[in-house]
């Protein structure tokens, strides 16, 4: 009789564990999904100054779901790449979204993007999803970083949809690390 009870307990644990494992969490699965690597010159919108290229393309809704697990609601996403073909190290100094009159829109915090995606859940599952989504947003967002000659950096830029209706531009300021010299890039988002 004891063996029969132990067998039923073992089977119950096995079935509950297999049920929990069968359904993957889309937010955890999205952590492994990356942007397809491309040089800046391969983008539909591309500009170049002094051997530094900037490429920009909007990201479709299906791709956003693949990258983050769910859509971002009132925000649009752009795949941005910067390729340094110059002889000097460069620093991505400023990344701003500007109006047509050259005034910057307020910066978007990644917490706002997180809240728009809203992974939901309860208890430990909620904490796990929140942590996974926050790490995913940080890892895939366009960083301020240093690029050596020959390197390309790629990331996602988040823009409020209403800014696009007003004719927004991406303003990027890049600093030459050998001397204090800045290059300004302006590229329309639509």
C-alpha atoms as a PDB file:
ATOM      1  CA  UNK A   1       0.000   0.000   0.000  1.00  0.00           C
ATOM      2  CA  UNK A   2       2.848   2.425   0.859  1.00  0.00           C
ATOM      3  CA  UNK A   3       4.463   1.741  -2.492  1.00  0.00           C
ATOM      4  CA  UNK A   4       1.221   2.449  -4.311  1.00  0.00           C
ATOM      5  CA  UNK A   5       0.866   5.820  -2.526  1.00  0.00           C
ATOM      6  CA  UNK A   6       4.490   6.716  -3.360  1.00  0.00           C
ATOM      7  CA  UNK A   7       3.906   5.818  -7.015  1.00  0.00           C
ATOM      8  CA  UNK A   8       0.841   8.098  -7.162  1.00  0.00           C
ATOM      9  CA  UNK A   9       2.749  10.948  -5.509  1.00  0.00           C
ATOM     10  CA  UNK A  10       5.641  10.526  -7.947  1.00  0.00           C
ATOM     11  CA  UNK A  11       3.256  10.480 -10.919  1.00  0.00           C
ATOM     12  CA  UNK A  12       1.479  13.590  -9.617  1.00  0.00           C
ATOM     13  CA  UNK A  13       4.781  15.470  -9.298  1.00  0.00           C
ATOM     14  CA  UNK A  14       5.880  14.331 -12.768  1.00  0.00           C
ATOM     15  CA  UNK A  15       2.628  15.465 -14.409  1.00  0.00           C
ATOM     16  CA  UNK A  16       2.625  18.843 -12.666  1.00  0.00           C
ATOM     17  CA  UNK A  17       6.277  19.458 -13.575  1.00  0.00           C
ATOM     18  CA  UNK A  18       5.739  18.491 -17.211  1.00  0.00           C
ATOM     19  CA  UNK A  19       2.699  20.796 -17.407  1.00  0.00           C
ATOM     20  CA  UNK A  20       4.718  23.721 -16.057  1.00  0.00           C
ATOM     21  CA  UNK A  21       7.573  23.037 -18.463  1.00  0.00           C
ATOM     22  CA  UNK A  22       5.366  22.551 -21.506  1.00  0.00           C
ATOM     23  CA  UNK A  23       4.363  26.200 -21.792  1.00  0.00           C
ATOM     24  CA  UNK A  24       7.325  28.549 -22.201  1.00  0.00           C
ATOM     25  CA  UNK A  25       7.020  32.096 -21.011  1.00  0.00           C
ATOM     26  CA  UNK A  26       7.144  34.478 -23.991  1.00  0.00           C
ATOM     27  CA  UNK A  27       9.090  37.096 -21.987  1.00  0.00           C
ATOM     28  CA  UNK A  28      11.815  34.618 -21.054  1.00  0.00           C
ATOM     29  CA  UNK A  29      11.905  33.259 -24.588  1.00  0.00           C
ATOM     30  CA  UNK A  30      12.308  36.810 -25.968  1.00  0.00           C
ATOM     31  CA  UNK A  31      15.563  37.211 -24.002  1.00  0.00           C
ATOM     32  CA  UNK A  32      17.274  34.915 -26.532  1.00  0.00           C
ATOM     33  CA  UNK A  33      15.868  36.673 -29.608  1.00  0.00           C
ATOM     34  CA  UNK A  34      18.227  39.309 -30.997  1.00  0.00           C
ATOM     35  CA  UNK A  35      18.184  41.810 -33.824  1.00  0.00           C
ATOM     36  CA  UNK A  36      19.656  40.450 -37.048  1.00  0.00           C
ATOM     37  CA  UNK A  37      23.138  41.960 -37.251  1.00  0.00           C
ATOM     38  CA  UNK A  38      23.647  44.369 -40.163  1.00  0.00           C
ATOM     39  CA  UNK A  39      26.052  47.125 -41.101  1.00  0.00           C
ATOM     40  CA  UNK A  40      24.574  50.621 -41.107  1.00  0.00           C
ATOM     41  CA  UNK A  41      24.893  50.929 -44.896  1.00  0.00           C
ATOM     42  CA  UNK A  42      22.370  48.094 -45.431  1.00  0.00           C
ATOM     43  CA  UNK A  43      19.458  49.992 -43.861  1.00  0.00           C
ATOM     44  CA  UNK A  44      16.705  51.648 -45.918  1.00  0.00           C
ATOM     45  CA  UNK A  45      17.581  55.063 -44.430  1.00  0.00           C
ATOM     46  CA  UNK A  46      21.321  55.649 -44.379  1.00  0.00           C
ATOM     47  CA  UNK A  47      23.559  58.700 -44.037  1.00  0.00           C
ATOM     48  CA  UNK A  48      27.318  58.958 -43.751  1.00  0.00           C
ATOM     49  CA  UNK A  49      29.722  61.660 -42.581  1.00  0.00           C
ATOM     50  CA  UNK A  50      33.508  61.334 -42.348  1.00  0.00           C
ATOM     51  CA  UNK A  51      33.382  57.546 -42.668  1.00  0.00           C
ATOM     52  CA  UNK A  52      30.800  57.137 -39.904  1.00  0.00           C
ATOM     53  CA  UNK A  53      27.499  55.646 -41.057  1.00  0.00           C
ATOM     54  CA  UNK A  54      24.065  55.799 -39.454  1.00  0.00           C
ATOM     55  CA  UNK A  55      21.317  53.398 -40.569  1.00  0.00           C
ATOM     56  CA  UNK A  56      17.695  53.431 -39.457  1.00  0.00           C
ATOM     57  CA  UNK A  57      14.621  51.279 -40.128  1.00  0.00           C
ATOM     58  CA  UNK A  58      11.254  50.890 -38.375  1.00  0.00           C
ATOM     59  CA  UNK A  59      10.590  47.545 -36.706  1.00  0.00           C
ATOM     60  CA  UNK A  60       7.325  45.755 -37.502  1.00  0.00           C
ATOM     61  CA  UNK A  61       4.804  44.625 -34.872  1.00  0.00           C
ATOM     62  CA  UNK A  62       5.597  40.920 -35.281  1.00  0.00           C
ATOM     63  CA  UNK A  63       9.301  41.577 -34.830  1.00  0.00           C
ATOM     64  CA  UNK A  64       8.596  43.639 -31.679  1.00  0.00           C
ATOM     65  CA  UNK A  65       6.625  40.715 -30.221  1.00  0.00           C
ATOM     66  CA  UNK A  66       9.500  38.370 -31.065  1.00  0.00           C
ATOM     67  CA  UNK A  67      12.051  40.686 -29.409  1.00  0.00           C
ATOM     68  CA  UNK A  68      10.065  41.605 -26.265  1.00  0.00           C
ATOM     69  CA  UNK A  69       7.260  39.061 -25.893  1.00  0.00           C
ATOM     70  CA  UNK A  70       4.475  41.587 -26.511  1.00  0.00           C
ATOM     71  CA  UNK A  71       3.804  44.851 -28.368  1.00  0.00           C
ATOM     72  CA  UNK A  72       4.664  48.229 -26.853  1.00  0.00           C
ATOM     73  CA  UNK A  73       1.362  50.008 -27.416  1.00  0.00           C
ATOM     74  CA  UNK A  74       1.790  53.764 -27.979  1.00  0.00           C
ATOM     75  CA  UNK A  75       5.507  53.480 -28.810  1.00  0.00           C
ATOM     76  CA  UNK A  76       7.167  52.731 -32.141  1.00  0.00           C
ATOM     77  CA  UNK A  77      10.544  51.031 -32.403  1.00  0.00           C
ATOM     78  CA  UNK A  78      13.406  51.664 -34.786  1.00  0.00           C
ATOM     79  CA  UNK A  79      16.405  49.474 -35.473  1.00  0.00           C
ATOM     80  CA  UNK A  80      19.444  51.791 -35.439  1.00  0.00           C
ATOM     81  CA  UNK A  81      23.011  50.911 -36.410  1.00  0.00           C
ATOM     82  CA  UNK A  82      26.177  53.004 -36.326  1.00  0.00           C
ATOM     83  CA  UNK A  83      29.259  51.842 -38.215  1.00  0.00           C
ATOM     84  CA  UNK A  84      32.647  53.429 -37.536  1.00  0.00           C
ATOM     85  CA  UNK A  85      34.794  53.193 -40.666  1.00  0.00           C
ATOM     86  CA  UNK A  86      36.996  56.104 -39.581  1.00  0.00           C
ATOM     87  CA  UNK A  87      40.521  55.838 -38.177  1.00  0.00           C
ATOM     88  CA  UNK A  88      39.507  57.054 -34.713  1.00  0.00           C
ATOM     89  CA  UNK A  89      37.539  55.789 -31.759  1.00  0.00           C
ATOM     90  CA  UNK A  90      34.207  57.565 -31.431  1.00  0.00           C
ATOM     91  CA  UNK A  91      31.710  58.072 -28.616  1.00  0.00           C
ATOM     92  CA  UNK A  92      27.942  58.205 -29.089  1.00  0.00           C
ATOM     93  CA  UNK A  93      27.392  61.355 -27.069  1.00  0.00           C
ATOM     94  CA  UNK A  94      23.721  62.248 -27.597  1.00  0.00           C
ATOM     95  CA  UNK A  95      20.680  60.387 -28.848  1.00  0.00           C
ATOM     96  CA  UNK A  96      17.592  62.588 -29.063  1.00  0.00           C
ATOM     97  CA  UNK A  97      14.289  62.752 -30.871  1.00  0.00           C
ATOM     98  CA  UNK A  98      13.713  66.302 -32.120  1.00  0.00           C
ATOM     99  CA  UNK A  99      10.822  68.258 -33.581  1.00  0.00           C
ATOM    100  CA  UNK A 100      11.016  69.888 -36.981  1.00  0.00           C
ATOM    101  CA  UNK A 101      11.905  73.179 -35.208  1.00  0.00           C
ATOM    102  CA  UNK A 102      14.965  71.381 -33.722  1.00  0.00           C
ATOM    103  CA  UNK A 103      13.591  71.331 -30.147  1.00  0.00           C
ATOM    104  CA  UNK A 104      14.009  67.973 -28.354  1.00  0.00           C
ATOM    105  CA  UNK A 105      11.050  65.929 -27.191  1.00  0.00           C
ATOM    106  CA  UNK A 106      11.145  64.737 -23.565  1.00  0.00           C
ATOM    107  CA  UNK A 107      13.301  61.645 -23.101  1.00  0.00           C
ATOM    108  CA  UNK A 108      11.542  58.312 -22.834  1.00  0.00           C
ATOM    109  CA  UNK A 109      12.459  56.259 -19.816  1.00  0.00           C
ATOM    110  CA  UNK A 110      12.694  52.490 -20.269  1.00  0.00           C
ATOM    111  CA  UNK A 111      10.319  52.106 -17.291  1.00  0.00           C
ATOM    112  CA  UNK A 112       7.628  53.720 -19.452  1.00  0.00           C
ATOM    113  CA  UNK A 113       8.262  51.113 -22.149  1.00  0.00           C
ATOM    114  CA  UNK A 114       8.134  48.371 -19.500  1.00  0.00           C
ATOM    115  CA  UNK A 115       4.790  49.693 -18.233  1.00  0.00           C
ATOM    116  CA  UNK A 116       3.415  49.818 -21.798  1.00  0.00           C
ATOM    117  CA  UNK A 117       4.345  46.163 -22.354  1.00  0.00           C
ATOM    118  CA  UNK A 118       3.062  45.165 -18.862  1.00  0.00           C
ATOM    119  CA  UNK A 119       4.041  41.513 -18.475  1.00  0.00           C
ATOM    120  CA  UNK A 120       1.497  40.897 -15.695  1.00  0.00           C
ATOM    121  CA  UNK A 121       1.428  37.732 -13.594  1.00  0.00           C
ATOM    122  CA  UNK A 122       1.267  37.150  -9.863  1.00  0.00           C
ATOM    123  CA  UNK A 123       3.772  36.523  -7.125  1.00  0.00           C
ATOM    124  CA  UNK A 124       7.115  35.038  -8.165  1.00  0.00           C
ATOM    125  CA  UNK A 125       6.015  34.772 -11.781  1.00  0.00           C
ATOM    126  CA  UNK A 126       5.396  38.530 -11.870  1.00  0.00           C
ATOM    127  CA  UNK A 127       8.844  39.251 -10.404  1.00  0.00           C
ATOM    128  CA  UNK A 128      10.492  36.878 -12.871  1.00  0.00           C
ATOM    129  CA  UNK A 129       8.720  38.413 -15.878  1.00  0.00           C
ATOM    130  CA  UNK A 130       9.469  41.965 -14.711  1.00  0.00           C
ATOM    131  CA  UNK A 131      13.165  41.175 -14.288  1.00  0.00           C
ATOM    132  CA  UNK A 132      13.350  39.411 -17.657  1.00  0.00           C
ATOM    133  CA  UNK A 133      11.619  42.279 -19.464  1.00  0.00           C
ATOM    134  CA  UNK A 134      13.729  44.979 -17.780  1.00  0.00           C
ATOM    135  CA  UNK A 135      16.981  43.172 -18.662  1.00  0.00           C
ATOM    136  CA  UNK A 136      15.759  42.640 -22.201  1.00  0.00           C
ATOM    137  CA  UNK A 137      14.910  46.329 -22.650  1.00  0.00           C
ATOM    138  CA  UNK A 138      18.282  47.448 -21.265  1.00  0.00           C
ATOM    139  CA  UNK A 139      20.242  44.993 -23.416  1.00  0.00           C
ATOM    140  CA  UNK A 140      18.468  45.858 -26.672  1.00  0.00           C
ATOM    141  CA  UNK A 141      18.109  49.656 -26.312  1.00  0.00           C
ATOM    142  CA  UNK A 142      20.529  51.887 -28.230  1.00  0.00           C
ATOM    143  CA  UNK A 143      23.486  52.541 -25.880  1.00  0.00           C
ATOM    144  CA  UNK A 144      25.809  55.479 -25.384  1.00  0.00           C
ATOM    145  CA  UNK A 145      29.118  53.750 -25.993  1.00  0.00           C
ATOM    146  CA  UNK A 146      32.574  53.945 -27.539  1.00  0.00           C
ATOM    147  CA  UNK A 147      33.171  52.393 -30.970  1.00  0.00           C
ATOM    148  CA  UNK A 148      36.613  51.410 -32.213  1.00  0.00           C
ATOM    149  CA  UNK A 149      37.478  51.694 -35.918  1.00  0.00           C
ATOM    150  CA  UNK A 150      35.682  48.994 -37.898  1.00  0.00           C
ATOM    151  CA  UNK A 151      33.028  48.305 -35.248  1.00  0.00           C
ATOM    152  CA  UNK A 152      29.253  48.495 -35.598  1.00  0.00           C
ATOM    153  CA  UNK A 153      26.795  48.994 -32.742  1.00  0.00           C
ATOM    154  CA  UNK A 154      23.135  48.211 -33.118  1.00  0.00           C
ATOM    155  CA  UNK A 155      20.168  48.902 -30.850  1.00  0.00           C
ATOM    156  CA  UNK A 156      16.523  49.788 -30.621  1.00  0.00           C
ATOM    157  CA  UNK A 157      15.235  53.328 -30.356  1.00  0.00           C
ATOM    158  CA  UNK A 158      11.810  53.850 -28.761  1.00  0.00           C
ATOM    159  CA  UNK A 159       9.673  56.786 -29.953  1.00  0.00           C
ATOM    160  CA  UNK A 160       6.147  57.855 -28.974  1.00  0.00           C
ATOM    161  CA  UNK A 161       3.816  57.322 -31.931  1.00  0.00           C
ATOM    162  CA  UNK A 162       2.443  60.880 -31.660  1.00  0.00           C
ATOM    163  CA  UNK A 163       5.966  62.273 -32.242  1.00  0.00           C
ATOM    164  CA  UNK A 164       6.056  60.557 -35.634  1.00  0.00           C
ATOM    165  CA  UNK A 165       2.863  62.323 -36.678  1.00  0.00           C
ATOM    166  CA  UNK A 166       4.588  65.633 -35.953  1.00  0.00           C
ATOM    167  CA  UNK A 167       7.566  64.872 -38.241  1.00  0.00           C
ATOM    168  CA  UNK A 168      10.205  63.839 -35.691  1.00  0.00           C
ATOM    169  CA  UNK A 169      13.897  63.409 -36.488  1.00  0.00           C
ATOM    170  CA  UNK A 170      16.608  61.339 -34.854  1.00  0.00           C
ATOM    171  CA  UNK A 171      19.467  63.576 -33.706  1.00  0.00           C
ATOM    172  CA  UNK A 172      22.714  61.812 -32.984  1.00  0.00           C
ATOM    173  CA  UNK A 173      25.875  63.538 -31.802  1.00  0.00           C
ATOM    174  CA  UNK A 174      29.129  61.603 -32.126  1.00  0.00           C
ATOM    175  CA  UNK A 175      32.410  62.693 -30.581  1.00  0.00           C
ATOM    176  CA  UNK A 176      35.837  61.927 -31.984  1.00  0.00           C
ATOM    177  CA  UNK A 177      37.820  60.510 -29.036  1.00  0.00           C
ATOM    178  CA  UNK A 178      41.154  61.845 -30.327  1.00  0.00           C
ATOM    179  CA  UNK A 179      40.086  65.468 -30.042  1.00  0.00           C
ATOM    180  CA  UNK A 180      37.012  67.389 -28.981  1.00  0.00           C
ATOM    181  CA  UNK A 181      35.198  67.334 -32.309  1.00  0.00           C
ATOM    182  CA  UNK A 182      31.514  66.509 -32.756  1.00  0.00           C
ATOM    183  CA  UNK A 183      29.580  65.246 -35.752  1.00  0.00           C
ATOM    184  CA  UNK A 184      25.832  65.857 -35.781  1.00  0.00           C
ATOM    185  CA  UNK A 185      23.538  63.455 -37.626  1.00  0.00           C
ATOM    186  CA  UNK A 186      19.864  64.227 -38.379  1.00  0.00           C
ATOM    187  CA  UNK A 187      17.683  61.628 -40.024  1.00  0.00           C
ATOM    188  CA  UNK A 188      13.873  61.713 -40.398  1.00  0.00           C
ATOM    189  CA  UNK A 189      11.933  58.946 -38.671  1.00  0.00           C
ATOM    190  CA  UNK A 190       9.160  58.761 -41.282  1.00  0.00           C
END
